[in-house]
Structure formats: C-alpha cells, structure tokens
Amino acid sequence: MDNKILQEVFSWLRAIVIALLIVLVCRYFLITPSVVKGESMLPNLEDGDRIILSKISPIDRFDEIAFKAPDSDDNYVKRVIGLEGDSIIMENDQLYINGEPYDEPYLDEIKAELPEEVLLTGNFTLEELTGRGTVPEGKIFVLGDNRRVSKDSREFGFVDEDAIIGDVKMRIWPLRSIGIIP
C-alpha cells in the first residue's frame, strides 16, 4: 500500500516539474506577460491592460513593442516608427519615412477628438531631435500613439534593439477587450 502511494506522489511530482519546466521555457524564451502603464498608447492600449509579448517575432515598422526604458527602470510600450537607416519627418500630422508619406490609421480615433486646427504630433525631423539624419545601426525610433502626452524617442532618443523585450501580440485583460493586437 505504501509503495502505491509513493508511486502516485512521485508521478504527480514528475508531472508538476515537467509542467513548470515547460512554463519557464515559454516564459523566458517565447512569450511573456506584461502590464501597460500610463496613457501614452491610448486609445489602442489602456493603463492597466494585460498583454502578451512575443519574444521571437521579428520587429517591423508600426509594431507595438515593450522595451526597457533608456531613461528609467521601467518598461515602456510604444510603436516602432523608424528602423535602422530610416529618415523621419513629421509635418502637419503627416509622417514621412525616407521621404514617403505613411498613413497611421491607428491614430484616427484620437485625431477625431481634437479640434481641426490642433495637431496630434508636433512637427519635427529626426535630425532636429537627435542630431542624426537616419536611425543608426542597432537602434529604433518609437512613438506613443497618444502623442500629446507620450514620453518617447522625441524625448529620450533612439532605443537599442537589445532593449526590446517583445512584440505586443495579445491583450488578455480586461476581458471586454481580450484579443489579438493587429
């Protein structure tokens, strides 16, 4: 009788250890949860949203990413605007990357709330902000969606690619907003 109990306990312990190993591997190498803090990504991500980050996805322009803040001990969530080698200009709320105009449909909702004559994003060039004409190797340029309050690359400069924690893939809380982040 004692032998059967011991076998059952060992079987449960082995299952728990295997499950923990799987969770740890996923957590440290594939995906990780995070929490959005602040209002810089409104209306797309709100303060307190729980999100899942992919650590293995390639980072593309306009992805929402989490990264270690270059100016504090926090992690920030922002949108990738400029990749290595890009020149960036913002003029009259129109984004130009390498001289080409880009639409930012993720800003439509917040722009609609502003009076017509008010810009969401102040005019700038990458060179005015950083002293560099293009995004340097190993760096990215990020902006928050709520540009009037966002602390982003306009303030702290470029973000090291090594500081990227992951690409925002899914919102898991609050339940009314659960889903994949496009």
C-alpha atoms as a PDB file:
ATOM      1  CA  MET A   1       0.000   0.000   0.000  1.00  0.00           C
ATOM      2  CA  ASP A   2       2.767   2.491   0.918  1.00  0.00           C
ATOM      3  CA  ASN A   3       4.575   1.673  -2.316  1.00  0.00           C
ATOM      4  CA  LYS A   4       1.488   2.579  -4.408  1.00  0.00           C
ATOM      5  CA  ILE A   5       1.071   5.888  -2.561  1.00  0.00           C
ATOM      6  CA  LEU A   6       4.739   6.668  -3.051  1.00  0.00           C
ATOM      7  CA  GLN A   7       4.470   5.903  -6.773  1.00  0.00           C
ATOM      8  CA  GLU A   8       1.397   8.121  -7.076  1.00  0.00           C
ATOM      9  CA  VAL A   9       3.130  11.013  -5.266  1.00  0.00           C
ATOM     10  CA  PHE A  10       6.224  10.604  -7.452  1.00  0.00           C
ATOM     11  CA  SER A  11       4.028  10.563 -10.572  1.00  0.00           C
ATOM     12  CA  TRP A  12       2.351  13.829  -9.524  1.00  0.00           C
ATOM     13  CA  LEU A  13       5.682  15.473  -8.664  1.00  0.00           C
ATOM     14  CA  ARG A  14       7.141  14.474 -12.022  1.00  0.00           C
ATOM     15  CA  ALA A  15       4.108  15.939 -13.847  1.00  0.00           C
ATOM     16  CA  ILE A  16       4.368  19.188 -11.871  1.00  0.00           C
ATOM     17  CA  VAL A  17       8.116  19.520 -12.541  1.00  0.00           C
ATOM     18  CA  ILE A  18       7.613  18.907 -16.274  1.00  0.00           C
ATOM     19  CA  ALA A  19       4.780  21.468 -16.375  1.00  0.00           C
ATOM     20  CA  LEU A  20       6.951  24.041 -14.557  1.00  0.00           C
ATOM     21  CA  LEU A  21       9.831  23.462 -16.974  1.00  0.00           C
ATOM     22  CA  ILE A  22       7.524  23.998 -19.939  1.00  0.00           C
ATOM     23  CA  VAL A  23       6.157  27.208 -18.403  1.00  0.00           C
ATOM     24  CA  LEU A  24       9.661  28.502 -17.639  1.00  0.00           C
ATOM     25  CA  VAL A  25      10.943  27.773 -21.148  1.00  0.00           C
ATOM     26  CA  CYS A  26       7.917  29.519 -22.680  1.00  0.00           C
ATOM     27  CA  ARG A  27       8.160  32.470 -20.266  1.00  0.00           C
ATOM     28  CA  TYR A  28      11.851  33.156 -20.795  1.00  0.00           C
ATOM     29  CA  PHE A  29      12.309  32.270 -24.455  1.00  0.00           C
ATOM     30  CA  LEU A  30       8.976  32.504 -26.307  1.00  0.00           C
ATOM     31  CA  ILE A  31       6.337  34.716 -24.658  1.00  0.00           C
ATOM     32  CA  THR A  32       5.957  36.809 -21.538  1.00  0.00           C
ATOM     33  CA  PRO A  33       3.120  38.732 -19.921  1.00  0.00           C
ATOM     34  CA  SER A  34       3.308  42.461 -19.216  1.00  0.00           C
ATOM     35  CA  VAL A  35       1.151  45.326 -17.969  1.00  0.00           C
ATOM     36  CA  VAL A  36       0.601  48.638 -19.757  1.00  0.00           C
ATOM     37  CA  LYS A  37       1.314  51.619 -17.513  1.00  0.00           C
ATOM     38  CA  GLY A  38       0.180  55.114 -18.380  1.00  0.00           C
ATOM     39  CA  GLU A  39      -1.818  56.710 -21.166  1.00  0.00           C
ATOM     40  CA  SER A  40       0.800  57.027 -23.910  1.00  0.00           C
ATOM     41  CA  MET A  41      -0.756  54.304 -26.094  1.00  0.00           C
ATOM     42  CA  LEU A  42      -4.394  55.421 -25.837  1.00  0.00           C
ATOM     43  CA  PRO A  43      -6.799  54.580 -27.363  1.00  0.00           C
ATOM     44  CA  ASN A  44      -5.211  51.330 -28.594  1.00  0.00           C
ATOM     45  CA  LEU A  45      -3.812  50.186 -25.237  1.00  0.00           C
ATOM     46  CA  GLU A  46      -5.043  51.500 -21.907  1.00  0.00           C
ATOM     47  CA  ASP A  47      -3.442  51.872 -18.483  1.00  0.00           C
ATOM     48  CA  GLY A  48      -3.705  48.506 -16.718  1.00  0.00           C
ATOM     49  CA  ASP A  49      -4.181  46.367 -19.834  1.00  0.00           C
ATOM     50  CA  ARG A  50      -2.531  42.955 -19.503  1.00  0.00           C
ATOM     51  CA  ILE A  51      -0.713  41.969 -22.667  1.00  0.00           C
ATOM     52  CA  ILE A  52       1.269  39.036 -24.029  1.00  0.00           C
ATOM     53  CA  LEU A  53       4.599  39.746 -25.716  1.00  0.00           C
ATOM     54  CA  SER A  54       6.232  37.502 -28.286  1.00  0.00           C
ATOM     55  CA  LYS A  55       9.973  37.270 -27.762  1.00  0.00           C
ATOM     56  CA  ILE A  56      10.592  35.526 -31.091  1.00  0.00           C
ATOM     57  CA  SER A  57       8.656  37.703 -33.565  1.00  0.00           C
ATOM     58  CA  PRO A  58      10.641  39.908 -35.901  1.00  0.00           C
ATOM     59  CA  ILE A  59      10.118  43.596 -35.149  1.00  0.00           C
ATOM     60  CA  ASP A  60       8.552  45.514 -38.026  1.00  0.00           C
ATOM     61  CA  ARG A  61       7.593  49.131 -38.568  1.00  0.00           C
ATOM     62  CA  PHE A  62       4.376  50.095 -36.721  1.00  0.00           C
ATOM     63  CA  ASP A  63       4.547  47.107 -34.326  1.00  0.00           C
ATOM     64  CA  GLU A  64       3.698  47.855 -30.709  1.00  0.00           C
ATOM     65  CA  ILE A  65       6.638  46.715 -28.605  1.00  0.00           C
ATOM     66  CA  ALA A  66       7.718  46.629 -24.973  1.00  0.00           C
ATOM     67  CA  PHE A  67      11.282  47.609 -24.133  1.00  0.00           C
ATOM     68  CA  LYS A  68      13.478  48.542 -21.215  1.00  0.00           C
ATOM     69  CA  ALA A  69      13.233  52.308 -20.882  1.00  0.00           C
ATOM     70  CA  PRO A  70      16.505  54.095 -21.641  1.00  0.00           C
ATOM     71  CA  ASP A  71      15.738  56.786 -19.050  1.00  0.00           C
ATOM     72  CA  SER A  72      14.317  54.810 -16.089  1.00  0.00           C
ATOM     73  CA  ASP A  73      13.965  51.355 -14.551  1.00  0.00           C
ATOM     74  CA  ASP A  74      10.522  50.922 -16.139  1.00  0.00           C
ATOM     75  CA  ASN A  75       9.452  49.104 -19.265  1.00  0.00           C
ATOM     76  CA  TYR A  76       7.666  51.137 -21.923  1.00  0.00           C
ATOM     77  CA  VAL A  77       5.177  50.112 -24.603  1.00  0.00           C
ATOM     78  CA  LYS A  78       5.421  52.203 -27.783  1.00  0.00           C
ATOM     79  CA  ARG A  79       5.017  51.885 -31.544  1.00  0.00           C
ATOM     80  CA  VAL A  80       8.032  51.326 -33.823  1.00  0.00           C
ATOM     81  CA  ILE A  81       8.205  54.167 -36.336  1.00  0.00           C
ATOM     82  CA  GLY A  82      11.796  54.156 -37.567  1.00  0.00           C
ATOM     83  CA  LEU A  83      14.091  51.235 -38.293  1.00  0.00           C
ATOM     84  CA  GLU A  84      17.822  51.245 -38.976  1.00  0.00           C
ATOM     85  CA  GLY A  85      18.675  53.594 -41.849  1.00  0.00           C
ATOM     86  CA  ASP A  86      15.315  55.418 -41.898  1.00  0.00           C
ATOM     87  CA  SER A  87      14.973  59.190 -42.047  1.00  0.00           C
ATOM     88  CA  ILE A  88      11.858  60.522 -40.311  1.00  0.00           C
ATOM     89  CA  ILE A  89       9.940  63.773 -40.676  1.00  0.00           C
ATOM     90  CA  MET A  90       6.608  64.738 -39.111  1.00  0.00           C
ATOM     91  CA  GLU A  91       4.928  67.667 -40.827  1.00  0.00           C
ATOM     92  CA  ASN A  92       1.324  68.785 -40.206  1.00  0.00           C
ATOM     93  CA  ASP A  93       0.443  65.404 -38.649  1.00  0.00           C
ATOM     94  CA  GLN A  94       1.766  63.584 -41.714  1.00  0.00           C
ATOM     95  CA  LEU A  95       4.533  61.035 -41.131  1.00  0.00           C
ATOM     96  CA  TYR A  96       7.253  60.783 -43.769  1.00  0.00           C
ATOM     97  CA  ILE A  97       9.728  57.926 -43.683  1.00  0.00           C
ATOM     98  CA  ASN A  98      12.558  58.113 -46.203  1.00  0.00           C
ATOM     99  CA  GLY A  99      10.604  60.846 -47.992  1.00  0.00           C
ATOM    100  CA  GLU A 100       7.458  58.709 -48.430  1.00  0.00           C
ATOM    101  CA  PRO A 101       4.182  59.646 -46.691  1.00  0.00           C
ATOM    102  CA  TYR A 102       2.751  56.952 -44.403  1.00  0.00           C
ATOM    103  CA  ASP A 103      -0.799  56.655 -43.125  1.00  0.00           C
ATOM    104  CA  GLU A 104      -1.228  55.971 -39.418  1.00  0.00           C
ATOM    105  CA  PRO A 105      -4.797  54.594 -39.182  1.00  0.00           C
ATOM    106  CA  TYR A 106      -4.255  53.593 -35.547  1.00  0.00           C
ATOM    107  CA  LEU A 107      -4.320  57.351 -34.758  1.00  0.00           C
ATOM    108  CA  ASP A 108      -7.672  58.080 -36.458  1.00  0.00           C
ATOM    109  CA  GLU A 109      -9.746  57.752 -33.283  1.00  0.00           C
ATOM    110  CA  ILE A 110      -7.581  60.074 -31.195  1.00  0.00           C
ATOM    111  CA  LYS A 111      -7.218  62.605 -34.052  1.00  0.00           C
ATOM    112  CA  ALA A 112     -11.012  62.740 -34.416  1.00  0.00           C
ATOM    113  CA  GLU A 113     -11.269  64.004 -30.822  1.00  0.00           C
ATOM    114  CA  LEU A 114      -9.009  67.005 -31.500  1.00  0.00           C
ATOM    115  CA  PRO A 115     -10.184  70.341 -32.907  1.00  0.00           C
ATOM    116  CA  GLU A 116      -9.348  70.678 -36.628  1.00  0.00           C
ATOM    117  CA  GLU A 117      -6.526  73.177 -36.170  1.00  0.00           C
ATOM    118  CA  VAL A 118      -4.782  71.173 -33.409  1.00  0.00           C
ATOM    119  CA  LEU A 119      -2.008  68.726 -34.331  1.00  0.00           C
ATOM    120  CA  LEU A 120      -1.671  65.412 -32.543  1.00  0.00           C
ATOM    121  CA  THR A 121       2.060  65.280 -33.269  1.00  0.00           C
ATOM    122  CA  GLY A 122       4.201  68.395 -33.373  1.00  0.00           C
ATOM    123  CA  ASN A 123       6.374  68.940 -36.418  1.00  0.00           C
ATOM    124  CA  PHE A 124       9.915  67.552 -36.225  1.00  0.00           C
ATOM    125  CA  THR A 125      12.727  65.983 -38.164  1.00  0.00           C
ATOM    126  CA  LEU A 126      14.879  63.177 -36.878  1.00  0.00           C
ATOM    127  CA  GLU A 127      17.921  65.399 -37.195  1.00  0.00           C
ATOM    128  CA  GLU A 128      16.338  68.167 -35.079  1.00  0.00           C
ATOM    129  CA  LEU A 129      15.533  65.685 -32.306  1.00  0.00           C
ATOM    130  CA  THR A 130      18.642  63.518 -32.300  1.00  0.00           C
ATOM    131  CA  GLY A 131      21.324  65.245 -34.336  1.00  0.00           C
ATOM    132  CA  ARG A 132      21.293  62.271 -36.723  1.00  0.00           C
ATOM    133  CA  GLY A 133      19.783  62.180 -40.204  1.00  0.00           C
ATOM    134  CA  THR A 134      18.905  58.486 -40.027  1.00  0.00           C
ATOM    135  CA  VAL A 135      18.228  55.844 -37.396  1.00  0.00           C
ATOM    136  CA  PRO A 136      21.638  54.317 -36.514  1.00  0.00           C
ATOM    137  CA  GLU A 137      22.538  50.648 -36.745  1.00  0.00           C
ATOM    138  CA  GLY A 138      21.149  48.561 -33.886  1.00  0.00           C
ATOM    139  CA  LYS A 139      18.580  51.231 -32.925  1.00  0.00           C
ATOM    140  CA  ILE A 140      14.900  52.014 -33.482  1.00  0.00           C
ATOM    141  CA  PHE A 141      12.786  55.164 -33.185  1.00  0.00           C
ATOM    142  CA  VAL A 142       9.491  54.828 -31.259  1.00  0.00           C
ATOM    143  CA  LEU A 143       6.439  56.994 -30.633  1.00  0.00           C
ATOM    144  CA  GLY A 144       3.430  56.561 -28.380  1.00  0.00           C
ATOM    145  CA  ASP A 145       0.005  56.679 -30.027  1.00  0.00           C
ATOM    146  CA  ASN A 146      -1.220  59.378 -27.624  1.00  0.00           C
ATOM    147  CA  ARG A 147       1.483  61.710 -28.883  1.00  0.00           C
ATOM    148  CA  ARG A 148       0.474  64.765 -26.874  1.00  0.00           C
ATOM    149  CA  VAL A 149       1.373  63.014 -23.578  1.00  0.00           C
ATOM    150  CA  SER A 150       3.763  60.264 -24.654  1.00  0.00           C
ATOM    151  CA  LYS A 151       7.337  60.115 -23.413  1.00  0.00           C
ATOM    152  CA  ASP A 152       9.066  58.525 -26.391  1.00  0.00           C
ATOM    153  CA  SER A 153      12.030  58.839 -28.767  1.00  0.00           C
ATOM    154  CA  ARG A 154      11.308  62.541 -29.173  1.00  0.00           C
ATOM    155  CA  GLU A 155      12.479  62.886 -25.554  1.00  0.00           C
ATOM    156  CA  PHE A 156      14.886  60.050 -24.850  1.00  0.00           C
ATOM    157  CA  GLY A 157      16.231  59.352 -28.333  1.00  0.00           C
ATOM    158  CA  PHE A 158      16.763  56.019 -30.001  1.00  0.00           C
ATOM    159  CA  VAL A 159      16.054  52.656 -28.374  1.00  0.00           C
ATOM    160  CA  ASP A 160      18.656  49.885 -28.550  1.00  0.00           C
ATOM    161  CA  GLU A 161      17.358  46.782 -30.316  1.00  0.00           C
ATOM    162  CA  ASP A 162      18.849  44.802 -27.399  1.00  0.00           C
ATOM    163  CA  ALA A 163      16.450  46.593 -25.021  1.00  0.00           C
ATOM    164  CA  ILE A 164      13.379  45.179 -26.783  1.00  0.00           C
ATOM    165  CA  ILE A 165      11.505  42.699 -24.579  1.00  0.00           C
ATOM    166  CA  GLY A 166       8.952  41.661 -27.163  1.00  0.00           C
ATOM    167  CA  ASP A 167       6.286  42.432 -29.717  1.00  0.00           C
ATOM    168  CA  VAL A 168       2.774  43.006 -28.317  1.00  0.00           C
ATOM    169  CA  LYS A 169       0.603  40.202 -29.714  1.00  0.00           C
ATOM    170  CA  MET A 170      -2.456  39.901 -27.490  1.00  0.00           C
ATOM    171  CA  ARG A 171      -4.460  41.692 -24.821  1.00  0.00           C
ATOM    172  CA  ILE A 172      -5.657  39.304 -22.096  1.00  0.00           C
ATOM    173  CA  TRP A 173      -7.225  41.803 -19.689  1.00  0.00           C
ATOM    174  CA  PRO A 174      -9.707  43.396 -19.347  1.00  0.00           C
ATOM    175  CA  LEU A 175     -11.983  40.654 -20.589  1.00  0.00           C
ATOM    176  CA  ARG A 176     -14.120  43.079 -22.637  1.00  0.00           C
ATOM    177  CA  SER A 177     -11.016  43.867 -24.742  1.00  0.00           C
ATOM    178  CA  ILE A 178      -9.399  40.427 -24.955  1.00  0.00           C
ATOM    179  CA  GLY A 179      -7.981  39.633 -28.361  1.00  0.00           C
ATOM    180  CA  ILE A 180      -5.138  39.710 -30.851  1.00  0.00           C
ATOM    181  CA  ILE A 181      -3.368  43.041 -31.360  1.00  0.00           C
ATOM    182  CA  PRO A 182      -3.115  43.711 -35.135  1.00  0.00           C
END
